């Protein structure tokens, strides 16, 4: 078999898991019930969010909050300050792809 397979959790409970981390990309899977989110942080690579369930409330840098529904793919630039959370009754599920891997971005900074 040439391909490598990776599993991710199927849940409605809060879940933040790293699925893949290599030089090419980092891929995380997140499930956030209502009221849950991530700590305020800066993007440590180019970030792509794929919303598969629910709606993500997203505040980037100093802009107003935007809400993106399931079926959205978002591109967020490197070093953007991010506030990601679910303020809706439906469970939020998304995949976050960081490309290249944050460790490559950190090496470029040194």
PDB file of N, CA and C in Angstrom:
ATOM      1  N   UNK A   1       0.842  -1.174   0.000  1.00  0.00           N
ATOM      2  CA  UNK A   1       0.000   0.000   0.000  1.00  0.00           C
ATOM      3  C   UNK A   1       0.890   1.241   0.000  1.00  0.00           C
ATOM      4  N   UNK A   2       0.690   2.120  -0.940  1.00  0.00           N
ATOM      5  CA  UNK A   2       1.494   3.334  -1.060  1.00  0.00           C
ATOM      6  C   UNK A   2       1.027   4.405  -0.089  1.00  0.00           C
ATOM      7  N   UNK A   3      -0.272   4.539   0.069  1.00  0.00           N
ATOM      8  CA  UNK A   3      -0.805   5.603   0.918  1.00  0.00           C
ATOM      9  C   UNK A   3      -0.630   5.275   2.393  1.00  0.00           C
ATOM     10  N   UNK A   4      -0.581   6.327   3.194  1.00  0.00           N
ATOM     11  CA  UNK A   4      -0.602   6.204   4.644  1.00  0.00           C
ATOM     12  C   UNK A   4      -1.970   6.675   5.108  1.00  0.00           C
ATOM     13  N   UNK A   5      -2.566   5.947   6.019  1.00  0.00           N
ATOM     14  CA  UNK A   5      -3.875   6.354   6.521  1.00  0.00           C
ATOM     15  C   UNK A   5      -3.750   6.920   7.934  1.00  0.00           C
ATOM     16  N   UNK A   6      -4.608   7.856   8.239  1.00  0.00           N
ATOM     17  CA  UNK A   6      -4.641   8.490   9.553  1.00  0.00           C
ATOM     18  C   UNK A   6      -6.081   8.489  10.028  1.00  0.00           C
ATOM     19  N   UNK A   7      -6.289   8.222  11.286  1.00  0.00           N
ATOM     20  CA  UNK A   7      -7.635   8.190  11.854  1.00  0.00           C
ATOM     21  C   UNK A   7      -7.884   9.457  12.667  1.00  0.00           C
ATOM     22  N   UNK A   8      -9.153   9.822  12.770  1.00  0.00           N
ATOM     23  CA  UNK A   8      -9.538  10.925  13.646  1.00  0.00           C
ATOM     24  C   UNK A   8     -10.797  10.513  14.393  1.00  0.00           C
ATOM     25  N   UNK A   9     -11.017  11.151  15.524  1.00  0.00           N
ATOM     26  CA  UNK A   9     -12.143  10.795  16.392  1.00  0.00           C
ATOM     27  C   UNK A   9     -13.468  11.207  15.783  1.00  0.00           C
ATOM     28  N   UNK A  10     -14.485  10.386  16.035  1.00  0.00           N
ATOM     29  CA  UNK A  10     -15.864  10.698  15.655  1.00  0.00           C
ATOM     30  C   UNK A  10     -16.609  10.903  16.974  1.00  0.00           C
ATOM     31  N   UNK A  11     -16.834  12.177  17.340  1.00  0.00           N
ATOM     32  CA  UNK A  11     -17.403  12.494  18.639  1.00  0.00           C
ATOM     33  C   UNK A  11     -18.167  13.803  18.570  1.00  0.00           C
ATOM     34  N   UNK A  12     -19.000  14.039  19.576  1.00  0.00           N
ATOM     35  CA  UNK A  12     -19.636  15.337  19.760  1.00  0.00           C
ATOM     36  C   UNK A  12     -19.040  16.064  20.961  1.00  0.00           C
ATOM     37  N   UNK A  13     -18.128  15.405  21.667  1.00  0.00           N
ATOM     38  CA  UNK A  13     -17.457  16.010  22.822  1.00  0.00           C
ATOM     39  C   UNK A  13     -16.249  16.812  22.351  1.00  0.00           C
ATOM     40  N   UNK A  14     -15.807  17.732  23.196  1.00  0.00           N
ATOM     41  CA  UNK A  14     -14.650  18.551  22.842  1.00  0.00           C
ATOM     42  C   UNK A  14     -13.452  17.651  22.531  1.00  0.00           C
ATOM     43  N   UNK A  15     -12.829  17.930  21.413  1.00  0.00           N
ATOM     44  CA  UNK A  15     -11.705  17.118  20.960  1.00  0.00           C
ATOM     45  C   UNK A  15     -10.791  17.991  20.119  1.00  0.00           C
ATOM     46  N   UNK A  16      -9.523  18.030  20.475  1.00  0.00           N
ATOM     47  CA  UNK A  16      -8.507  18.706  19.667  1.00  0.00           C
ATOM     48  C   UNK A  16      -7.364  17.710  19.530  1.00  0.00           C
ATOM     49  N   UNK A  17      -7.154  17.251  18.295  1.00  0.00           N
ATOM     50  CA  UNK A  17      -6.142  16.212  18.097  1.00  0.00           C
ATOM     51  C   UNK A  17      -5.285  16.502  16.872  1.00  0.00           C
ATOM     52  N   UNK A  18      -4.010  16.223  17.023  1.00  0.00           N
ATOM     53  CA  UNK A  18      -3.082  16.327  15.899  1.00  0.00           C
ATOM     54  C   UNK A  18      -3.154  15.019  15.124  1.00  0.00           C
ATOM     55  N   UNK A  19      -3.438  15.124  13.847  1.00  0.00           N
ATOM     56  CA  UNK A  19      -3.549  13.936  13.009  1.00  0.00           C
ATOM     57  C   UNK A  19      -2.235  13.665  12.299  1.00  0.00           C
ATOM     58  N   UNK A  20      -1.606  14.710  11.809  1.00  0.00           N
ATOM     59  CA  UNK A  20      -0.383  14.555  11.021  1.00  0.00           C
ATOM     60  C   UNK A  20       0.533  15.730  11.292  1.00  0.00           C
ATOM     61  N   UNK A  21       1.813  15.460  11.360  1.00  0.00           N
ATOM     62  CA  UNK A  21       2.816  16.512  11.480  1.00  0.00           C
ATOM     63  C   UNK A  21       4.075  16.029  10.770  1.00  0.00           C
ATOM     64  N   UNK A  22       4.344  16.617   9.623  1.00  0.00           N
ATOM     65  CA  UNK A  22       5.608  16.367   8.943  1.00  0.00           C
ATOM     66  C   UNK A  22       6.084  17.689   8.349  1.00  0.00           C
ATOM     67  N   UNK A  23       7.141  17.679   7.555  1.00  0.00           N
ATOM     68  CA  UNK A  23       7.673  18.936   7.028  1.00  0.00           C
ATOM     69  C   UNK A  23       6.706  19.630   6.078  1.00  0.00           C
ATOM     70  N   UNK A  24       5.862  18.880   5.412  1.00  0.00           N
ATOM     71  CA  UNK A  24       4.958  19.458   4.424  1.00  0.00           C
ATOM     72  C   UNK A  24       3.758  20.152   5.042  1.00  0.00           C
ATOM     73  N   UNK A  25       3.212  19.556   6.087  1.00  0.00           N
ATOM     74  CA  UNK A  25       1.977  20.096   6.667  1.00  0.00           C
ATOM     75  C   UNK A  25       1.753  19.577   8.077  1.00  0.00           C
ATOM     76  N   UNK A  26       0.927  20.307   8.789  1.00  0.00           N
ATOM     77  CA  UNK A  26       0.368  19.856  10.050  1.00  0.00           C
ATOM     78  C   UNK A  26      -1.139  19.828   9.876  1.00  0.00           C
ATOM     79  N   UNK A  27      -1.793  18.765  10.312  1.00  0.00           N
ATOM     80  CA  UNK A  27      -3.244  18.672  10.193  1.00  0.00           C
ATOM     81  C   UNK A  27      -3.828  18.338  11.566  1.00  0.00           C
ATOM     82  N   UNK A  28      -4.738  19.194  12.009  1.00  0.00           N
ATOM     83  CA  UNK A  28      -5.427  18.994  13.276  1.00  0.00           C
ATOM     84  C   UNK A  28      -6.913  18.811  13.018  1.00  0.00           C
ATOM     85  N   UNK A  29      -7.545  18.050  13.891  1.00  0.00           N
ATOM     86  CA  UNK A  29      -8.986  17.842  13.851  1.00  0.00           C
ATOM     87  C   UNK A  29      -9.548  18.392  15.155  1.00  0.00           C
ATOM     88  N   UNK A  30     -10.635  19.172  15.057  1.00  0.00           N
ATOM     89  CA  UNK A  30     -11.213  19.788  16.251  1.00  0.00           C
ATOM     90  C   UNK A  30     -12.721  19.622  16.257  1.00  0.00           C
ATOM     91  N   UNK A  31     -13.245  19.289  17.428  1.00  0.00           N
ATOM     92  CA  UNK A  31     -14.679  19.253  17.671  1.00  0.00           C
ATOM     93  C   UNK A  31     -14.918  20.155  18.875  1.00  0.00           C
ATOM     94  N   UNK A  32     -15.764  21.165  18.671  1.00  0.00           N
ATOM     95  CA  UNK A  32     -16.008  22.148  19.722  1.00  0.00           C
ATOM     96  C   UNK A  32     -17.514  22.303  19.942  1.00  0.00           C
ATOM     97  N   UNK A  33     -18.027  21.814  21.083  1.00  0.00           N
ATOM     98  CA  UNK A  33     -19.436  22.048  21.419  1.00  0.00           C
ATOM     99  C   UNK A  33     -19.672  23.540  21.703  1.00  0.00           C
ATOM    100  N   UNK A  34     -20.919  23.914  21.825  1.00  0.00           N
ATOM    101  CA  UNK A  34     -21.274  25.308  22.089  1.00  0.00           C
ATOM    102  C   UNK A  34     -20.505  25.851  23.291  1.00  0.00           C
ATOM    103  N   UNK A  35     -19.968  27.060  23.137  1.00  0.00           N
ATOM    104  CA  UNK A  35     -19.233  27.722  24.214  1.00  0.00           C
ATOM    105  C   UNK A  35     -17.763  27.375  24.278  1.00  0.00           C
ATOM    106  N   UNK A  36     -17.307  26.449  23.462  1.00  0.00           N
ATOM    107  CA  UNK A  36     -15.897  26.034  23.469  1.00  0.00           C
ATOM    108  C   UNK A  36     -15.135  26.741  22.345  1.00  0.00           C
ATOM    109  N   UNK A  37     -13.839  26.910  22.553  1.00  0.00           N
ATOM    110  CA  UNK A  37     -12.995  27.537  21.544  1.00  0.00           C
ATOM    111  C   UNK A  37     -11.537  27.282  21.824  1.00  0.00           C
ATOM    112  N   UNK A  38     -10.710  27.974  21.081  1.00  0.00           N
ATOM    113  CA  UNK A  38      -9.266  27.881  21.250  1.00  0.00           C
ATOM    114  C   UNK A  38      -8.768  29.125  21.971  1.00  0.00           C
ATOM    115  N   UNK A  39      -7.644  29.040  22.654  1.00  0.00           N
ATOM    116  CA  UNK A  39      -7.075  30.249  23.240  1.00  0.00           C
ATOM    117  C   UNK A  39      -6.682  31.226  22.125  1.00  0.00           C
ATOM    118  N   UNK A  40      -6.749  32.507  22.415  1.00  0.00           N
ATOM    119  CA  UNK A  40      -6.280  33.518  21.476  1.00  0.00           C
ATOM    120  C   UNK A  40      -4.822  33.230  21.150  1.00  0.00           C
ATOM    121  N   UNK A  41      -4.489  33.183  19.866  1.00  0.00           N
ATOM    122  CA  UNK A  41      -3.121  32.855  19.474  1.00  0.00           C
ATOM    123  C   UNK A  41      -2.832  33.412  18.085  1.00  0.00           C
ATOM    124  N   UNK A  42      -1.562  33.429  17.716  1.00  0.00           N
ATOM    125  CA  UNK A  42      -1.142  33.841  16.382  1.00  0.00           C
ATOM    126  C   UNK A  42      -0.901  32.609  15.528  1.00  0.00           C
ATOM    127  N   UNK A  43      -1.311  32.684  14.269  1.00  0.00           N
ATOM    128  CA  UNK A  43      -1.099  31.569  13.335  1.00  0.00           C
ATOM    129  C   UNK A  43       0.404  31.335  13.188  1.00  0.00           C
ATOM    130  N   UNK A  44       0.837  30.094  13.405  1.00  0.00           N
ATOM    131  CA  UNK A  44       2.261  29.769  13.336  1.00  0.00           C
ATOM    132  C   UNK A  44       2.664  29.189  11.978  1.00  0.00           C
ATOM    133  N   UNK A  45       1.783  29.314  11.002  1.00  0.00           N
ATOM    134  CA  UNK A  45       2.047  28.932   9.610  1.00  0.00           C
ATOM    135  C   UNK A  45       0.897  29.506   8.783  1.00  0.00           C
ATOM    136  N   UNK A  46       0.843  29.184   7.518  1.00  0.00           N
ATOM    137  CA  UNK A  46      -0.332  29.497   6.709  1.00  0.00           C
ATOM    138  C   UNK A  46      -1.392  28.484   7.120  1.00  0.00           C
ATOM    139  N   UNK A  47      -2.571  28.961   7.474  1.00  0.00           N
ATOM    140  CA  UNK A  47      -3.606  28.105   8.056  1.00  0.00           C
ATOM    141  C   UNK A  47      -4.798  28.019   7.107  1.00  0.00           C
ATOM    142  N   UNK A  48      -5.287  26.803   6.938  1.00  0.00           N
ATOM    143  CA  UNK A  48      -6.482  26.547   6.145  1.00  0.00           C
ATOM    144  C   UNK A  48      -7.453  25.790   7.028  1.00  0.00           C
ATOM    145  N   UNK A  49      -8.645  26.347   7.214  1.00  0.00           N
ATOM    146  CA  UNK A  49      -9.674  25.708   8.033  1.00  0.00           C
ATOM    147  C   UNK A  49     -10.764  25.166   7.122  1.00  0.00           C
ATOM    148  N   UNK A  50     -11.134  23.926   7.356  1.00  0.00           N
ATOM    149  CA  UNK A  50     -12.214  23.289   6.613  1.00  0.00           C
ATOM    150  C   UNK A  50     -13.320  22.999   7.627  1.00  0.00           C
ATOM    151  N   UNK A  51     -14.423  23.707   7.501  1.00  0.00           N
ATOM    152  CA  UNK A  51     -15.548  23.551   8.424  1.00  0.00           C
ATOM    153  C   UNK A  51     -16.452  22.445   7.880  1.00  0.00           C
ATOM    154  N   UNK A  52     -16.559  21.344   8.629  1.00  0.00           N
ATOM    155  CA  UNK A  52     -17.349  20.206   8.151  1.00  0.00           C
ATOM    156  C   UNK A  52     -18.702  20.078   8.844  1.00  0.00           C
ATOM    157  N   UNK A  53     -18.843  20.732  10.004  1.00  0.00           N
ATOM    158  CA  UNK A  53     -20.096  20.637  10.750  1.00  0.00           C
ATOM    159  C   UNK A  53     -20.234  21.882  11.612  1.00  0.00           C
ATOM    160  N   UNK A  54     -21.424  22.430  11.692  1.00  0.00           N
ATOM    161  CA  UNK A  54     -21.677  23.593  12.531  1.00  0.00           C
ATOM    162  C   UNK A  54     -21.235  24.886  11.871  1.00  0.00           C
ATOM    163  N   UNK A  55     -20.902  25.874  12.727  1.00  0.00           N
ATOM    164  CA  UNK A  55     -20.452  27.183  12.274  1.00  0.00           C
ATOM    165  C   UNK A  55     -19.299  27.630  13.152  1.00  0.00           C
ATOM    166  N   UNK A  56     -18.282  28.199  12.543  1.00  0.00           N
ATOM    167  CA  UNK A  56     -17.161  28.723  13.313  1.00  0.00           C
ATOM    168  C   UNK A  56     -17.290  30.239  13.400  1.00  0.00           C
ATOM    169  N   UNK A  57     -17.153  30.762  14.610  1.00  0.00           N
ATOM    170  CA  UNK A  57     -17.073  32.199  14.842  1.00  0.00           C
ATOM    171  C   UNK A  57     -15.587  32.538  14.875  1.00  0.00           C
ATOM    172  N   UNK A  58     -15.176  33.435  14.010  1.00  0.00           N
ATOM    173  CA  UNK A  58     -13.751  33.692  13.800  1.00  0.00           C
ATOM    174  C   UNK A  58     -13.485  35.184  13.856  1.00  0.00           C
ATOM    175  N   UNK A  59     -12.579  35.578  14.751  1.00  0.00           N
ATOM    176  CA  UNK A  59     -12.140  36.966  14.833  1.00  0.00           C
ATOM    177  C   UNK A  59     -10.649  36.973  14.544  1.00  0.00           C
ATOM    178  N   UNK A  60     -10.266  37.687  13.497  1.00  0.00           N
ATOM    179  CA  UNK A  60      -8.864  37.756  13.073  1.00  0.00           C
ATOM    180  C   UNK A  60      -8.333  39.178  13.250  1.00  0.00           C
ATOM    181  N   UNK A  61      -7.171  39.279  13.870  1.00  0.00           N
ATOM    182  CA  UNK A  61      -6.567  40.580  14.166  1.00  0.00           C
ATOM    183  C   UNK A  61      -7.622  41.512  14.746  1.00  0.00           C
ATOM    184  N   UNK A  62      -7.792  42.711  14.180  1.00  0.00           N
ATOM    185  CA  UNK A  62      -8.729  43.693  14.734  1.00  0.00           C
ATOM    186  C   UNK A  62     -10.045  43.758  13.983  1.00  0.00           C
ATOM    187  N   UNK A  63     -10.286  42.836  13.060  1.00  0.00           N
ATOM    188  CA  UNK A  63     -11.545  42.889  12.307  1.00  0.00           C
ATOM    189  C   UNK A  63     -12.707  42.386  13.149  1.00  0.00           C
ATOM    190  N   UNK A  64     -13.907  42.701  12.704  1.00  0.00           N
ATOM    191  CA  UNK A  64     -15.118  42.199  13.349  1.00  0.00           C
ATOM    192  C   UNK A  64     -15.186  40.681  13.193  1.00  0.00           C
ATOM    193  N   UNK A  65     -15.919  40.050  14.087  1.00  0.00           N
ATOM    194  CA  UNK A  65     -16.138  38.602  13.999  1.00  0.00           C
ATOM    195  C   UNK A  65     -16.891  38.255  12.718  1.00  0.00           C
ATOM    196  N   UNK A  66     -16.486  37.155  12.086  1.00  0.00           N
ATOM    197  CA  UNK A  66     -17.201  36.602  10.947  1.00  0.00           C
ATOM    198  C   UNK A  66     -17.609  35.174  11.294  1.00  0.00           C
ATOM    199  N   UNK A  67     -18.756  34.754  10.799  1.00  0.00           N
ATOM    200  CA  UNK A  67     -19.253  33.402  11.033  1.00  0.00           C
ATOM    201  C   UNK A  67     -19.228  32.664   9.705  1.00  0.00           C
ATOM    202  N   UNK A  68     -18.665  31.451   9.721  1.00  0.00           N
ATOM    203  CA  UNK A  68     -18.535  30.640   8.509  1.00  0.00           C
ATOM    204  C   UNK A  68     -19.200  29.286   8.751  1.00  0.00           C
ATOM    205  N   UNK A  69     -20.133  28.893   7.877  1.00  0.00           N
ATOM    206  CA  UNK A  69     -20.873  27.637   8.063  1.00  0.00           C
ATOM    207  C   UNK A  69     -20.124  26.423   7.521  1.00  0.00           C
ATOM    208  N   UNK A  70     -20.660  25.258   7.830  1.00  0.00           N
ATOM    209  CA  UNK A  70     -20.141  24.006   7.267  1.00  0.00           C
ATOM    210  C   UNK A  70     -20.075  24.136   5.755  1.00  0.00           C
ATOM    211  N   UNK A  71     -19.030  23.584   5.185  1.00  0.00           N
ATOM    212  CA  UNK A  71     -18.811  23.686   3.750  1.00  0.00           C
ATOM    213  C   UNK A  71     -17.840  24.802   3.389  1.00  0.00           C
ATOM    214  N   UNK A  72     -17.401  25.573   4.377  1.00  0.00           N
ATOM    215  CA  UNK A  72     -16.457  26.670   4.125  1.00  0.00           C
ATOM    216  C   UNK A  72     -15.022  26.185   4.235  1.00  0.00           C
ATOM    217  N   UNK A  73     -14.180  26.729   3.391  1.00  0.00           N
ATOM    218  CA  UNK A  73     -12.731  26.538   3.481  1.00  0.00           C
ATOM    219  C   UNK A  73     -12.130  27.929   3.610  1.00  0.00           C
ATOM    220  N   UNK A  74     -11.407  28.161   4.697  1.00  0.00           N
ATOM    221  CA  UNK A  74     -10.870  29.484   5.006  1.00  0.00           C
ATOM    222  C   UNK A  74      -9.357  29.462   4.920  1.00  0.00           C
ATOM    223  N   UNK A  75      -8.766  30.499   4.345  1.00  0.00           N
ATOM    224  CA  UNK A  75      -7.306  30.659   4.291  1.00  0.00           C
ATOM    225  C   UNK A  75      -6.940  31.832   5.197  1.00  0.00           C
ATOM    226  N   UNK A  76      -6.053  31.572   6.145  1.00  0.00           N
ATOM    227  CA  UNK A  76      -5.656  32.578   7.129  1.00  0.00           C
ATOM    228  C   UNK A  76      -4.142  32.765   7.039  1.00  0.00           C
ATOM    229  N   UNK A  77      -3.690  34.005   6.833  1.00  0.00           N
ATOM    230  CA  UNK A  77      -2.252  34.247   6.659  1.00  0.00           C
ATOM    231  C   UNK A  77      -1.429  33.969   7.922  1.00  0.00           C
ATOM    232  N   UNK A  78      -0.182  33.644   7.693  1.00  0.00           N
ATOM    233  CA  UNK A  78       0.824  33.451   8.743  1.00  0.00           C
ATOM    234  C   UNK A  78       0.848  34.672   9.659  1.00  0.00           C
ATOM    235  N   UNK A  79       0.952  34.414  10.949  1.00  0.00           N
ATOM    236  CA  UNK A  79       1.076  35.409  12.018  1.00  0.00           C
ATOM    237  C   UNK A  79      -0.201  36.187  12.313  1.00  0.00           C
ATOM    238  N   UNK A  80      -1.311  35.814  11.744  1.00  0.00           N
ATOM    239  CA  UNK A  80      -2.575  36.479  12.047  1.00  0.00           C
ATOM    240  C   UNK A  80      -3.036  36.084  13.444  1.00  0.00           C
ATOM    241  N   UNK A  81      -3.446  37.064  14.249  1.00  0.00           N
ATOM    242  CA  UNK A  81      -3.992  36.778  15.581  1.00  0.00           C
ATOM    243  C   UNK A  81      -5.386  36.190  15.385  1.00  0.00           C
ATOM    244  N   UNK A  82      -5.639  35.055  16.048  1.00  0.00           N
ATOM    245  CA  UNK A  82      -6.866  34.293  15.809  1.00  0.00           C
ATOM    246  C   UNK A  82      -7.630  34.041  17.099  1.00  0.00           C
ATOM    247  N   UNK A  83      -8.949  34.245  17.010  1.00  0.00           N
ATOM    248  CA  UNK A  83      -9.853  33.838  18.073  1.00  0.00           C
ATOM    249  C   UNK A  83     -10.907  32.948  17.413  1.00  0.00           C
ATOM    250  N   UNK A  84     -10.883  31.666  17.726  1.00  0.00           N
ATOM    251  CA  UNK A  84     -11.732  30.650  17.088  1.00  0.00           C
ATOM    252  C   UNK A  84     -12.639  30.046  18.154  1.00  0.00           C
ATOM    253  N   UNK A  85     -13.959  30.077  17.911  1.00  0.00           N
ATOM    254  CA  UNK A  85     -14.853  29.498  18.911  1.00  0.00           C
ATOM    255  C   UNK A  85     -16.209  29.145  18.315  1.00  0.00           C
ATOM    256  N   UNK A  86     -16.965  28.403  19.105  1.00  0.00           N
ATOM    257  CA  UNK A  86     -18.316  28.002  18.728  1.00  0.00           C
ATOM    258  C   UNK A  86     -19.288  28.638  19.706  1.00  0.00           C
ATOM    259  N   UNK A  87     -20.096  29.536  19.236  1.00  0.00           N
ATOM    260  CA  UNK A  87     -21.113  30.153  20.096  1.00  0.00           C
ATOM    261  C   UNK A  87     -22.521  29.740  19.681  1.00  0.00           C
ATOM    262  N   UNK A  88     -22.614  28.608  19.003  1.00  0.00           N
ATOM    263  CA  UNK A  88     -23.891  28.122  18.477  1.00  0.00           C
ATOM    264  C   UNK A  88     -24.245  26.759  19.082  1.00  0.00           C
ATOM    265  N   UNK A  89     -25.544  26.429  19.121  1.00  0.00           N
ATOM    266  CA  UNK A  89     -25.960  25.144  19.714  1.00  0.00           C
ATOM    267  C   UNK A  89     -25.418  23.916  18.984  1.00  0.00           C
ATOM    268  N   UNK A  90     -25.271  23.989  17.658  1.00  0.00           N
ATOM    269  CA  UNK A  90     -24.771  22.840  16.902  1.00  0.00           C
ATOM    270  C   UNK A  90     -23.268  22.653  17.141  1.00  0.00           C
ATOM    271  N   UNK A  91     -22.845  21.416  17.257  1.00  0.00           N
ATOM    272  CA  UNK A  91     -21.430  21.095  17.438  1.00  0.00           C
ATOM    273  C   UNK A  91     -20.646  21.576  16.215  1.00  0.00           C
ATOM    274  N   UNK A  92     -19.490  22.192  16.475  1.00  0.00           N
ATOM    275  CA  UNK A  92     -18.580  22.638  15.418  1.00  0.00           C
ATOM    276  C   UNK A  92     -17.504  21.574  15.220  1.00  0.00           C
ATOM    277  N   UNK A  93     -17.292  21.173  13.978  1.00  0.00           N
ATOM    278  CA  UNK A  93     -16.201  20.247  13.644  1.00  0.00           C
ATOM    279  C   UNK A  93     -15.426  20.845  12.485  1.00  0.00           C
ATOM    280  N   UNK A  94     -14.110  20.875  12.619  1.00  0.00           N
ATOM    281  CA  UNK A  94     -13.278  21.411  11.551  1.00  0.00           C
ATOM    282  C   UNK A  94     -11.931  20.732  11.515  1.00  0.00           C
ATOM    283  N   UNK A  95     -11.316  20.811  10.354  1.00  0.00           N
ATOM    284  CA  UNK A  95      -9.935  20.386  10.173  1.00  0.00           C
ATOM    285  C   UNK A  95      -9.118  21.634   9.938  1.00  0.00           C
ATOM    286  N   UNK A  96      -7.936  21.666  10.533  1.00  0.00           N
ATOM    287  CA  UNK A  96      -7.022  22.785  10.370  1.00  0.00           C
ATOM    288  C   UNK A  96      -5.751  22.249   9.728  1.00  0.00           C
ATOM    289  N   UNK A  97      -5.452  22.790   8.561  1.00  0.00           N
ATOM    290  CA  UNK A  97      -4.247  22.394   7.825  1.00  0.00           C
ATOM    291  C   UNK A  97      -3.264  23.550   7.896  1.00  0.00           C
ATOM    292  N   UNK A  98      -2.048  23.251   8.342  1.00  0.00           N
ATOM    293  CA  UNK A  98      -0.986  24.258   8.402  1.00  0.00           C
ATOM    294  C   UNK A  98       0.091  23.850   7.410  1.00  0.00           C
ATOM    295  N   UNK A  99       0.368  24.738   6.453  1.00  0.00           N
ATOM    296  CA  UNK A  99       1.329  24.395   5.412  1.00  0.00           C
ATOM    297  C   UNK A  99       2.214  25.602   5.103  1.00  0.00           C
ATOM    298  N   UNK A 100       3.526  25.431   5.138  1.00  0.00           N
ATOM    299  CA  UNK A 100       4.204  24.215   5.574  1.00  0.00           C
ATOM    300  C   UNK A 100       4.044  24.010   7.079  1.00  0.00           C
ATOM    301  N   UNK A 101       4.594  22.919   7.560  1.00  0.00           N
ATOM    302  CA  UNK A 101       4.533  22.604   8.978  1.00  0.00           C
ATOM    303  C   UNK A 101       5.050  23.786   9.806  1.00  0.00           C
ATOM    304  N   UNK A 102       4.442  24.052  10.961  1.00  0.00           N
ATOM    305  CA  UNK A 102       4.943  25.134  11.823  1.00  0.00           C
ATOM    306  C   UNK A 102       6.422  24.999  12.177  1.00  0.00           C
ATOM    307  N   UNK A 103       6.932  23.789  12.275  1.00  0.00           N
ATOM    308  CA  UNK A 103       8.354  23.649  12.596  1.00  0.00           C
ATOM    309  C   UNK A 103       9.239  24.144  11.448  1.00  0.00           C
ATOM    310  N   UNK A 104       8.784  24.045  10.215  1.00  0.00           N
ATOM    311  CA  UNK A 104       9.531  24.585   9.079  1.00  0.00           C
ATOM    312  C   UNK A 104       9.475  26.106   9.107  1.00  0.00           C
ATOM    313  N   UNK A 105       8.301  26.656   9.440  1.00  0.00           N
ATOM    314  CA  UNK A 105       8.170  28.116   9.542  1.00  0.00           C
ATOM    315  C   UNK A 105       9.087  28.641  10.634  1.00  0.00           C
ATOM    316  N   UNK A 106       9.161  27.943  11.774  1.00  0.00           N
ATOM    317  CA  UNK A 106      10.029  28.366  12.868  1.00  0.00           C
ATOM    318  C   UNK A 106      11.495  28.325  12.452  1.00  0.00           C
ATOM    319  N   UNK A 107      11.877  27.299  11.701  1.00  0.00           N
ATOM    320  CA  UNK A 107      13.262  27.177  11.229  1.00  0.00           C
ATOM    321  C   UNK A 107      13.618  28.329  10.278  1.00  0.00           C
ATOM    322  N   UNK A 108      12.665  28.750   9.469  1.00  0.00           N
ATOM    323  CA  UNK A 108      12.895  29.874   8.548  1.00  0.00           C
ATOM    324  C   UNK A 108      13.122  31.185   9.301  1.00  0.00           C
ATOM    325  N   UNK A 109      12.509  31.290  10.486  1.00  0.00           N
ATOM    326  CA  UNK A 109      12.628  32.501  11.300  1.00  0.00           C
ATOM    327  C   UNK A 109      13.985  32.602  11.983  1.00  0.00           C
ATOM    328  N   UNK A 110      14.653  31.457  12.202  1.00  0.00           N
ATOM    329  CA  UNK A 110      15.931  31.457  12.932  1.00  0.00           C
ATOM    330  C   UNK A 110      17.082  31.939  12.076  1.00  0.00           C
TER     331      UNK A 110
END
